[in-house]
Structures are given as C-alpha cells and as structure tokens.
Amino acid sequence: MSFERPYEGLKVVDLSQGLAGPYCGMLMAQQGADVIKIEPQGGDWARLIGGVFGDHTAYSIVANMGKRAISLNLKQDDAKTITDKLIAEADVFIEGYRPGVAERLGFGYDRLSEMNPGLIYVSISGFGNSGPLRDKPAMDPMLQAFSGFVHENTGMDGIAHHTPVSYFDMATGLYASQSLAGALYARRDHAKGRKIEISLMEGAGAIQAVRLLSGFRGGARKASTAPSGTFQTQDGYIQINIVRDPEFATFCDVLNLDDLWAETKFHTIAGRLENIEYLNDYVRAITKTWDADALSEVLTKVGLQNIVVQSYRDFVEHPQAKEIGVFSWLDQAGSDDPWPVPNIPGMPEFTVGDVLAQSPEIGQHTRAVLTELNYTDPEIDRLIADGIVA
C-alpha cells in the first residue's frame, strides 16, 4: 500500500457495463486494486459505441484501463460458479443492471452478503431501485433531458441542446467511487460490509446542484453579465466574459468602442443587462471583423477574460496542456496510433506500456484468472469448448 496505490491488496469484481459502473471500477484499478471485469462473450456493449478499433472504443478504453478481463456466459451454471468463487474472495462487487436483474441472475446483495459478509456491494441504476421510472432504461442522454440539463443548455440560438459529453455517467462513477472509498475506510472497524445504491438520476442532480438550486428558485437561466458568451470571429469563435464595470470600460477602450462607451446606460451591469440583446448584437458585429487569436491577444493583454474556442485536437496539442501533463499517449490493442488519454487528476500519470495504462480485450485474462481459482488447463479447455468462458 502507498499514497499512489492505496487499494493494493483489494479485490474487485466488476459486473457492470457501459460507463458509470466501469469508470468507478477503473478508478479503483488505478489506485492499486485487482479489478476483474466480467463480460458476456460478445463483450460489454460500450465496446460497440462510436468508432470501433478491434475490441475497443473510446468508452471501453477510458472505463477499463488497468483491469483484468474475463468473459463468461452467465446463463450457464458453471459460469455462475466461477463468478461465485471470484466474489467469495472479493472486497467489492459492482453491478449496473436495471433493478431486479442482478437478483434474477443470482447476484443480489442478500445472497452475496451471506456468501461474503464483508463485501461492499455497489449497485448503479438509471432512475433508482423504486418509483415509477424504476424499470425505465436510461443512458446519459436520457438523464440530460430528464434532469433539466437540456432545458437549461440553450445557446444564443435559443434552442435547448443535448451535449455529447457523458457528464452524468462520469459524475455517477465518481460519486460511486467516493462513496466506496468511505465505505472501505469504515469497514476497518466492522466485520460486515454494506450495499451502496447510486443512480444516474442522483448523479445528474448532484453535479448540477448550483444551477439547479438557482433555477428552482429563480426560474429559467438569465444572463448575469454582459457582454458575455460565445462570439463568432472571421476564423472561428471566441468566449468573452465581461463582469465588472471597470472591465467593460477597458473593453470599450482597447477596442476603440467610443460610441458604445458614450451610452452611459452601459456603464453598470444593471444597465447592460437591460439592453443585453442590443449589446450582444453590437459585440457580434465587432468580433466578426477579427481573427480569433488576434482578438484574444488584445483582450488578454489588458486582463479581460477570454479564450479562443478550441476543438479537442486543439486542446490535446496546446502547449499549456503539454506543460502540465494533461494527457498521456497510450497504445491500445486494435489501434495503429496511440490515444491521448487524459491523466486522472490527483493520481500518477499513466506510464506507456504499464498494465494500468492498458484496457483489456474481451476475455484477455480468462485463462489466468481461472488458473488462480485452481482450474486446470484441461478444465479450462473444456469450459472454452462448451462456450461457458471465452
């Protein structure tokens, strides 16, 4: 055990698929736990979303690095026996089925806690384990719409937008990870483990807490500063945020907007907000005459908040990201070129070639894991031939 790998010696059985549960398991692996990912023989469905490279997608890489993978047909009794043997030795079990499915498969909390009283059981669902939406399937886009995020996420076009970033899956995985850390710390003084239930709905609510409270009290989002927003330039877009009154004075001065400054109603935040549409239209006309980088340089020199809108490729290749090591370039099976994988804040950077920097292929460690469970080579060959493991 060390500060870098505090979970060394812990064993985790990860039966979850998608992103939220697997991401929680991946964080445990990065902190030293031995995480066994159990997948059906076709693999976790997240291996099929978006661009597919061999057994991998961006989802499966991010969610599974550092794990060992075993592929089982859980419809077969022998496969359930293997899973039971793994769980009997585990400290943590993670599942992400819809409510009731784990119980039907024989992996509900009551049964597993009898088998392994010290087990910490993490159950991640879409809408929770009770209520009218209990059985409704849910992925991140559904929770974006349900939780108010899409309603709030309107641009200057006034249209509500979904975002391709899996905010709520990732947030739920993080909340599960922190809850799990607390449970493992408390278990030092208890012989019995516990069940942790977390839903994407709860994750969506918690990660939006500040805006959610403001919206609940004050209604639809209203601009709090002006000019502020994303403005088009000759060659792209720039984000500008003018907050305090002296900043607006500087903004007008540096861009030679004497006619705008001559309107005294714009000298205060209240006055600018009362005339926000006129002000934003005025600034739009100005920014369209500039190159984004040139405008950013001018505004930055006088200390005004701004940034050129970048693509992901721009972000990855930016000198600032390189300076503080935001990304590690990691080879993954199925890809000819390395991936720019974000390092996990607060943890050691990924090391090229290290097992923690590799996401396993489907069933990559099946034989090794079964050998550790004292299965012989002939027995493993028979399980493979019978379609029980892959």
Protein backbone atom coordinates (compact mmCIF):
# COMPACT_ATOMS: atom_id res chain seq x y z
CA MET A 1 0.00 0.00 0.00
CA SER A 2 1.17 3.53 -0.78
CA PHE A 3 -0.27 7.00 -1.33
CA GLU A 4 -0.18 6.30 -5.07
CA ARG A 5 -1.74 2.80 -4.81
CA PRO A 6 -3.82 2.81 -1.59
CA TYR A 7 -6.06 -0.05 -2.74
CA GLU A 8 -3.29 -2.58 -3.25
CA GLY A 9 -4.44 -5.94 -1.92
CA LEU A 10 -8.13 -5.25 -2.54
CA LYS A 11 -10.08 -7.40 -4.99
CA VAL A 12 -12.98 -6.06 -7.05
CA VAL A 13 -15.45 -7.97 -9.21
CA ASP A 14 -16.91 -5.61 -11.80
CA LEU A 15 -20.07 -6.95 -13.45
CA SER A 16 -21.16 -3.54 -14.74
CA GLN A 17 -21.25 -2.37 -18.36
CA GLY A 18 -21.40 0.99 -20.08
CA LEU A 19 -19.58 3.86 -18.40
CA ALA A 20 -20.71 4.77 -14.87
CA GLY A 21 -20.01 1.46 -13.10
CA PRO A 22 -16.94 0.56 -15.18
CA TYR A 23 -15.47 4.04 -14.60
CA CYS A 24 -15.80 3.54 -10.84
CA GLY A 25 -14.01 0.19 -11.19
CA MET A 26 -11.29 1.74 -13.35
CA LEU A 27 -10.56 4.34 -10.68
CA MET A 28 -10.12 1.53 -8.17
CA ALA A 29 -7.72 -0.26 -10.51
CA GLN A 30 -5.66 2.89 -10.92
CA GLN A 31 -5.36 3.09 -7.15
CA GLY A 32 -3.99 -0.43 -6.92
CA ALA A 33 -6.98 -2.78 -6.64
CA ASP A 34 -7.11 -6.03 -8.61
CA VAL A 35 -10.26 -5.41 -10.66
CA ILE A 36 -11.74 -8.36 -12.56
CA LYS A 37 -14.12 -7.23 -15.30
CA ILE A 38 -16.69 -9.90 -16.15
CA GLU A 39 -18.22 -9.53 -19.61
CA PRO A 40 -20.56 -11.56 -21.80
CA GLN A 41 -18.86 -13.31 -24.68
CA GLY A 42 -19.78 -10.51 -27.08
CA GLY A 43 -18.25 -8.02 -24.70
CA ASP A 44 -19.51 -5.02 -22.77
CA TRP A 45 -21.96 -3.11 -25.01
CA ALA A 46 -19.80 0.00 -24.57
CA ARG A 47 -17.26 -1.70 -26.86
CA LEU A 48 -19.71 -1.11 -29.73
CA ILE A 49 -20.49 2.62 -29.32
CA GLY A 50 -18.87 5.06 -31.73
CA GLY A 51 -15.67 4.28 -33.62
CA VAL A 52 -14.64 0.65 -33.04
CA PHE A 53 -10.97 -0.35 -33.05
CA GLY A 54 -10.61 -4.09 -32.53
CA ASP A 55 -12.27 -4.75 -29.17
CA HIS A 56 -12.16 -1.09 -28.21
CA THR A 57 -13.98 2.21 -28.40
CA ALA A 58 -13.21 5.45 -26.60
CA TYR A 59 -15.73 4.33 -23.96
CA SER A 60 -14.11 0.97 -23.27
CA ILE A 61 -10.61 2.43 -23.09
CA VAL A 62 -11.49 5.15 -20.59
CA ALA A 63 -13.65 2.86 -18.45
CA ASN A 64 -11.44 -0.22 -18.19
CA MET A 65 -7.75 0.64 -18.08
CA GLY A 66 -5.85 -1.39 -15.52
CA LYS A 67 -8.48 -4.11 -15.18
CA ARG A 68 -8.23 -7.80 -15.97
CA ALA A 69 -10.99 -9.12 -18.23
CA ILE A 70 -12.75 -12.46 -18.13
CA SER A 71 -15.56 -13.45 -20.48
CA LEU A 72 -18.38 -15.66 -19.14
CA ASN A 73 -21.75 -16.89 -20.33
CA LEU A 74 -23.71 -16.20 -17.15
CA LYS A 75 -26.66 -18.23 -18.45
CA GLN A 76 -24.56 -21.33 -17.69
CA ASP A 77 -24.33 -22.73 -14.16
CA ASP A 78 -20.58 -23.31 -14.47
CA ALA A 79 -20.09 -19.63 -15.30
CA LYS A 80 -22.10 -18.63 -12.23
CA THR A 81 -19.93 -20.94 -10.13
CA ILE A 82 -16.82 -19.18 -11.42
CA THR A 83 -18.36 -15.80 -10.59
CA ASP A 84 -19.27 -17.01 -7.10
CA LYS A 85 -15.68 -18.09 -6.49
CA LEU A 86 -14.44 -14.66 -7.51
CA ILE A 87 -17.00 -12.87 -5.34
CA ALA A 88 -16.21 -15.06 -2.34
CA GLU A 89 -12.67 -13.62 -2.37
CA ALA A 90 -13.64 -10.04 -3.26
CA ASP A 91 -13.78 -6.87 -1.20
CA VAL A 92 -16.02 -5.02 -3.65
CA PHE A 93 -18.71 -6.04 -6.15
CA ILE A 94 -20.04 -3.59 -8.78
CA GLU A 95 -23.17 -4.14 -10.86
CA GLY A 96 -25.05 -1.82 -13.19
CA TYR A 97 -28.14 -3.77 -14.22
CA ARG A 98 -31.66 -2.45 -14.19
CA PRO A 99 -33.30 -3.04 -10.80
CA GLY A 100 -34.09 -6.69 -10.15
CA VAL A 101 -31.84 -8.13 -12.88
CA ALA A 102 -28.90 -8.87 -10.58
CA GLU A 103 -31.26 -10.72 -8.25
CA ARG A 104 -32.69 -12.79 -11.11
CA LEU A 105 -29.16 -13.73 -12.16
CA GLY A 106 -28.37 -14.80 -8.61
CA PHE A 107 -26.12 -11.86 -7.78
CA GLY A 108 -28.35 -9.83 -5.50
CA TYR A 109 -26.98 -8.28 -2.32
CA ASP A 110 -28.70 -10.62 0.14
CA ARG A 111 -27.23 -13.76 -1.38
CA LEU A 112 -23.76 -12.32 -1.95
CA SER A 113 -23.53 -10.85 1.56
CA GLU A 114 -24.31 -14.27 3.01
CA MET A 115 -21.53 -15.73 0.88
CA ASN A 116 -19.12 -12.89 1.74
CA PRO A 117 -20.26 -10.90 4.80
CA GLY A 118 -17.56 -8.22 4.40
CA LEU A 119 -18.47 -7.43 0.79
CA ILE A 120 -19.07 -3.81 -0.26
CA TYR A 121 -21.80 -4.09 -2.90
CA VAL A 122 -22.17 -1.17 -5.34
CA SER A 123 -25.39 -1.05 -7.37
CA ILE A 124 -25.69 1.59 -10.10
CA SER A 125 -29.01 2.11 -11.86
CA GLY A 126 -30.64 4.68 -14.11
CA PHE A 127 -33.52 6.04 -12.01
CA GLY A 128 -33.07 4.17 -8.71
CA ASN A 129 -34.45 0.96 -7.26
CA SER A 130 -38.00 2.18 -6.61
CA GLY A 131 -40.54 4.60 -8.03
CA PRO A 132 -42.49 4.89 -11.30
CA LEU A 133 -39.36 5.06 -13.50
CA ARG A 134 -37.57 2.20 -11.74
CA ASP A 135 -37.60 -0.10 -14.77
CA LYS A 136 -37.08 2.52 -17.45
CA PRO A 137 -33.81 2.08 -19.39
CA ALA A 138 -31.55 5.10 -19.06
CA MET A 139 -28.31 6.28 -20.58
CA ASP A 140 -26.65 9.66 -20.22
CA PRO A 141 -28.73 11.44 -22.94
CA MET A 142 -31.97 10.43 -21.21
CA LEU A 143 -30.79 11.89 -17.90
CA GLN A 144 -29.65 15.07 -19.62
CA ALA A 145 -33.22 15.55 -20.81
CA PHE A 146 -34.92 14.36 -17.60
CA SER A 147 -32.81 16.32 -15.13
CA GLY A 148 -33.28 19.76 -16.66
CA PHE A 149 -29.85 19.95 -18.26
CA VAL A 150 -31.09 20.03 -21.87
CA HIS A 151 -33.73 22.61 -20.93
CA GLU A 152 -31.02 24.82 -19.41
CA ASN A 153 -28.44 24.24 -22.13
CA THR A 154 -29.60 26.89 -24.58
CA GLY A 155 -27.22 28.92 -26.68
CA MET A 156 -27.69 32.28 -28.28
CA ASP A 157 -29.93 30.49 -30.78
CA GLY A 158 -32.46 29.91 -28.00
CA ILE A 159 -32.61 26.17 -28.73
CA ALA A 160 -32.23 23.53 -25.99
CA HIS A 161 -29.30 21.26 -26.74
CA HIS A 162 -28.12 17.79 -25.71
CA THR A 163 -24.35 17.51 -25.27
CA PRO A 164 -22.21 14.58 -26.49
CA VAL A 165 -20.13 14.73 -23.29
CA SER A 166 -21.24 11.96 -20.90
CA TYR A 167 -21.42 14.26 -17.90
CA PHE A 168 -23.80 12.21 -15.80
CA ASP A 169 -22.29 8.79 -16.46
CA MET A 170 -18.87 10.10 -15.46
CA ALA A 171 -20.24 12.00 -12.47
CA THR A 172 -22.14 8.95 -11.22
CA GLY A 173 -18.96 6.87 -11.50
CA LEU A 174 -17.09 9.50 -9.49
CA TYR A 175 -19.79 9.67 -6.81
CA ALA A 176 -19.79 5.87 -6.59
CA SER A 177 -16.02 5.93 -6.21
CA GLN A 178 -16.04 8.44 -3.36
CA SER A 179 -18.87 6.62 -1.57
CA LEU A 180 -16.98 3.37 -1.98
CA ALA A 181 -13.82 4.93 -0.54
CA GLY A 182 -15.74 5.97 2.57
CA ALA A 183 -17.27 2.52 2.95
CA LEU A 184 -13.89 0.81 2.69
CA TYR A 185 -12.46 3.17 5.31
CA ALA A 186 -15.36 2.49 7.69
CA ARG A 187 -15.16 -1.27 7.13
CA ARG A 188 -11.89 -1.37 9.04
CA ASP A 189 -13.99 -1.27 12.21
CA HIS A 190 -16.79 -3.59 11.04
CA ALA A 191 -16.97 -7.24 10.11
CA LYS A 192 -19.90 -6.71 7.78
CA GLY A 193 -19.91 -4.79 4.51
CA ARG A 194 -22.77 -2.76 3.10
CA LYS A 195 -24.78 -2.05 -0.02
CA ILE A 196 -24.32 1.26 -1.84
CA GLU A 197 -27.11 2.27 -4.22
CA ILE A 198 -26.43 5.11 -6.66
CA SER A 199 -28.42 6.18 -9.72
CA LEU A 200 -27.62 8.28 -12.75
CA MET A 201 -30.57 10.43 -11.72
CA GLU A 202 -28.91 11.23 -8.38
CA GLY A 203 -25.60 11.88 -10.11
CA ALA A 204 -27.31 14.23 -12.56
CA GLY A 205 -28.92 16.14 -9.71
CA ALA A 206 -25.79 16.41 -7.58
CA ILE A 207 -23.41 17.55 -10.32
CA GLN A 208 -25.87 20.33 -11.28
CA ALA A 209 -26.52 21.42 -7.69
CA VAL A 210 -25.57 25.09 -8.02
CA ARG A 211 -27.50 25.79 -11.20
CA LEU A 212 -30.35 23.50 -10.11
CA LEU A 213 -30.91 25.48 -6.91
CA SER A 214 -30.71 28.78 -8.78
CA GLY A 215 -33.13 27.54 -11.44
CA PHE A 216 -35.57 26.12 -8.91
CA ARG A 217 -35.77 29.45 -7.09
CA GLY A 218 -35.36 31.84 -9.96
CA GLY A 219 -36.73 30.05 -12.99
CA ALA A 220 -35.14 29.94 -16.40
CA ARG A 221 -31.49 30.89 -16.66
CA LYS A 222 -30.87 34.57 -17.20
CA ALA A 223 -27.66 36.27 -18.18
CA SER A 224 -25.79 37.68 -15.17
CA THR A 225 -23.14 39.63 -17.08
CA ALA A 226 -22.90 41.35 -20.43
CA PRO A 227 -21.37 41.20 -22.90
CA SER A 228 -20.72 37.54 -22.22
CA GLY A 229 -20.92 34.47 -24.39
CA THR A 230 -19.55 32.80 -27.48
CA PHE A 231 -18.99 35.20 -30.35
CA GLN A 232 -18.15 34.42 -33.96
CA THR A 233 -14.91 35.69 -35.48
CA GLN A 234 -13.54 35.62 -39.02
CA ASP A 235 -11.97 32.21 -38.47
CA GLY A 236 -13.83 30.63 -35.56
CA TYR A 237 -15.31 31.60 -32.20
CA ILE A 238 -14.16 33.29 -29.02
CA GLN A 239 -15.56 33.15 -25.50
CA ILE A 240 -15.70 36.53 -23.78
CA ASN A 241 -16.81 37.23 -20.23
CA ILE A 242 -17.08 40.85 -19.06
CA VAL A 243 -18.20 41.00 -15.43
CA ARG A 244 -17.29 44.16 -13.51
CA ASP A 245 -17.99 47.70 -14.67
CA PRO A 246 -14.28 48.64 -14.95
CA GLU A 247 -13.80 45.63 -17.23
CA PHE A 248 -16.44 46.97 -19.61
CA ALA A 249 -14.64 50.33 -19.63
CA THR A 250 -11.40 48.56 -20.53
CA PHE A 251 -13.19 46.51 -23.19
CA CYS A 252 -14.52 49.64 -24.89
CA ASP A 253 -11.17 51.40 -24.60
CA VAL A 254 -8.99 48.63 -26.02
CA LEU A 255 -11.34 48.03 -28.98
CA ASN A 256 -11.94 51.77 -29.58
CA LEU A 257 -15.67 51.48 -28.98
CA ASP A 258 -16.13 55.15 -28.13
CA ASP A 259 -19.72 55.30 -29.36
CA LEU A 260 -20.66 52.37 -27.14
CA TRP A 261 -18.98 53.90 -24.09
CA ALA A 262 -20.75 57.17 -24.80
CA GLU A 263 -24.02 55.43 -23.86
CA THR A 264 -23.92 55.92 -20.08
CA LYS A 265 -26.62 53.29 -19.57
CA PHE A 266 -23.97 50.67 -20.34
CA HIS A 267 -21.67 51.82 -17.52
CA THR A 268 -23.34 49.49 -14.99
CA ILE A 269 -24.12 45.77 -15.02
CA ALA A 270 -27.80 46.54 -14.50
CA GLY A 271 -27.87 48.84 -17.49
CA ARG A 272 -26.03 46.39 -19.70
CA LEU A 273 -28.39 43.57 -18.76
CA GLU A 274 -31.43 45.70 -19.52
CA ASN A 275 -30.08 46.17 -23.04
CA ILE A 276 -28.38 42.80 -23.44
CA GLU A 277 -29.74 41.93 -26.88
CA TYR A 278 -28.59 45.24 -28.36
CA LEU A 279 -25.22 44.92 -26.64
CA ASN A 280 -24.63 41.34 -27.78
CA ASP A 281 -25.59 42.21 -31.36
CA TYR A 282 -23.17 45.13 -31.26
CA VAL A 283 -20.31 42.95 -29.99
CA ARG A 284 -21.12 40.23 -32.54
CA ALA A 285 -20.64 42.75 -35.33
CA ILE A 286 -17.26 43.75 -33.89
CA THR A 287 -15.88 40.24 -33.30
CA LYS A 288 -16.76 39.15 -36.85
CA THR A 289 -14.13 41.59 -38.12
CA TRP A 290 -11.33 39.98 -36.07
CA ASP A 291 -9.28 36.81 -36.26
CA ALA A 292 -9.91 34.85 -33.04
CA ASP A 293 -6.25 34.63 -31.98
CA ALA A 294 -5.59 38.30 -32.65
CA LEU A 295 -8.65 39.39 -30.67
CA SER A 296 -7.74 37.07 -27.83
CA GLU A 297 -4.24 38.50 -27.66
CA VAL A 298 -5.57 42.07 -27.43
CA LEU A 299 -8.08 41.22 -24.69
CA THR A 300 -5.60 39.10 -22.74
CA LYS A 301 -3.01 41.92 -22.64
CA VAL A 302 -5.44 44.11 -20.72
CA GLY A 303 -6.54 41.31 -18.38
CA LEU A 304 -10.01 40.59 -19.75
CA GLN A 305 -11.43 37.08 -19.55
CA ASN A 306 -11.47 35.42 -22.94
CA ILE A 307 -10.42 32.23 -24.70
CA VAL A 308 -10.48 31.03 -28.28
CA VAL A 309 -12.94 28.17 -28.75
CA GLN A 310 -10.88 25.07 -29.48
CA SER A 311 -11.51 21.60 -30.84
CA TYR A 312 -10.48 18.52 -28.87
CA ARG A 313 -7.45 18.21 -31.12
CA ASP A 314 -6.52 21.82 -30.36
CA PHE A 315 -6.83 21.11 -26.64
CA VAL A 316 -4.70 17.98 -26.79
CA GLU A 317 -1.96 19.73 -28.75
CA HIS A 318 -1.95 23.02 -26.81
CA PRO A 319 1.37 23.91 -25.12
CA GLN A 320 -0.38 24.53 -21.78
CA ALA A 321 -1.90 21.04 -21.77
CA LYS A 322 1.51 19.59 -22.61
CA GLU A 323 3.24 21.65 -19.93
CA ILE A 324 1.25 20.24 -17.03
CA GLY A 325 0.77 16.75 -18.49
CA VAL A 326 -2.97 16.65 -19.06
CA PHE A 327 -2.64 13.73 -21.49
CA SER A 328 -0.61 10.56 -21.90
CA TRP A 329 -0.26 8.99 -25.34
CA LEU A 330 -1.15 5.33 -24.87
CA ASP A 331 -1.14 2.41 -27.27
CA GLN A 332 -4.22 0.19 -27.13
CA ALA A 333 -4.87 -3.13 -28.86
CA GLY A 334 -6.69 -2.67 -32.15
CA SER A 335 -5.30 0.80 -32.90
CA ASP A 336 -2.28 1.64 -35.03
CA ASP A 337 -1.80 5.04 -33.39
CA PRO A 338 -1.69 5.95 -29.67
CA TRP A 339 -4.63 7.61 -27.92
CA PRO A 340 -4.35 10.90 -25.99
CA VAL A 341 -5.85 9.61 -22.73
CA PRO A 342 -6.43 12.26 -20.03
CA ASN A 343 -4.49 11.53 -16.87
CA ILE A 344 -6.67 11.26 -13.77
CA PRO A 345 -6.34 14.39 -11.64
CA GLY A 346 -4.55 13.73 -8.36
CA MET A 347 -3.19 10.34 -9.46
CA PRO A 348 0.13 9.37 -11.05
CA GLU A 349 0.30 9.90 -14.79
CA PHE A 350 -0.23 6.87 -16.99
CA THR A 351 3.04 5.19 -17.96
CA VAL A 352 3.31 3.98 -21.54
CA GLY A 353 3.41 0.17 -21.59
CA ASP A 354 2.35 -0.21 -17.95
CA VAL A 355 -0.55 -2.58 -17.22
CA LEU A 356 -2.51 0.27 -15.64
CA ALA A 357 -2.33 2.12 -18.96
CA GLN A 358 -3.85 -0.78 -20.91
CA SER A 359 -7.53 -1.54 -21.40
CA PRO A 360 -8.08 -5.31 -21.72
CA GLU A 361 -9.55 -7.03 -24.73
CA ILE A 362 -12.63 -9.24 -24.29
CA GLY A 363 -11.68 -12.21 -22.12
CA GLN A 364 -7.97 -11.37 -22.28
CA HIS A 365 -7.28 -12.71 -18.79
CA THR A 366 -9.82 -15.53 -18.68
CA ARG A 367 -7.26 -18.35 -18.55
CA ALA A 368 -5.04 -16.57 -15.99
CA VAL A 369 -7.96 -15.79 -13.67
CA LEU A 370 -9.32 -19.33 -13.86
CA THR A 371 -5.86 -20.71 -13.12
CA GLU A 372 -5.77 -18.57 -9.97
CA LEU A 373 -9.09 -20.19 -9.00
CA ASN A 374 -7.33 -23.60 -9.27
CA TYR A 375 -8.89 -24.67 -12.56
CA THR A 376 -6.56 -26.95 -14.52
CA ASP A 377 -5.71 -26.45 -18.20
CA PRO A 378 -7.90 -29.39 -19.28
CA GLU A 379 -10.80 -27.97 -17.24
CA ILE A 380 -10.33 -24.54 -18.81
CA ASP A 381 -10.17 -26.08 -22.28
CA ARG A 382 -13.44 -27.87 -21.59
CA LEU A 383 -15.10 -24.62 -20.39
CA ILE A 384 -13.97 -22.88 -23.56
CA ALA A 385 -15.14 -25.73 -25.79
CA ASP A 386 -18.55 -25.71 -24.08
CA GLY A 387 -18.98 -21.99 -24.60
CA ILE A 388 -19.01 -21.26 -20.86
CA VAL A 389 -15.94 -19.00 -20.97
CA ALA A 390 -14.13 -17.23 -23.79
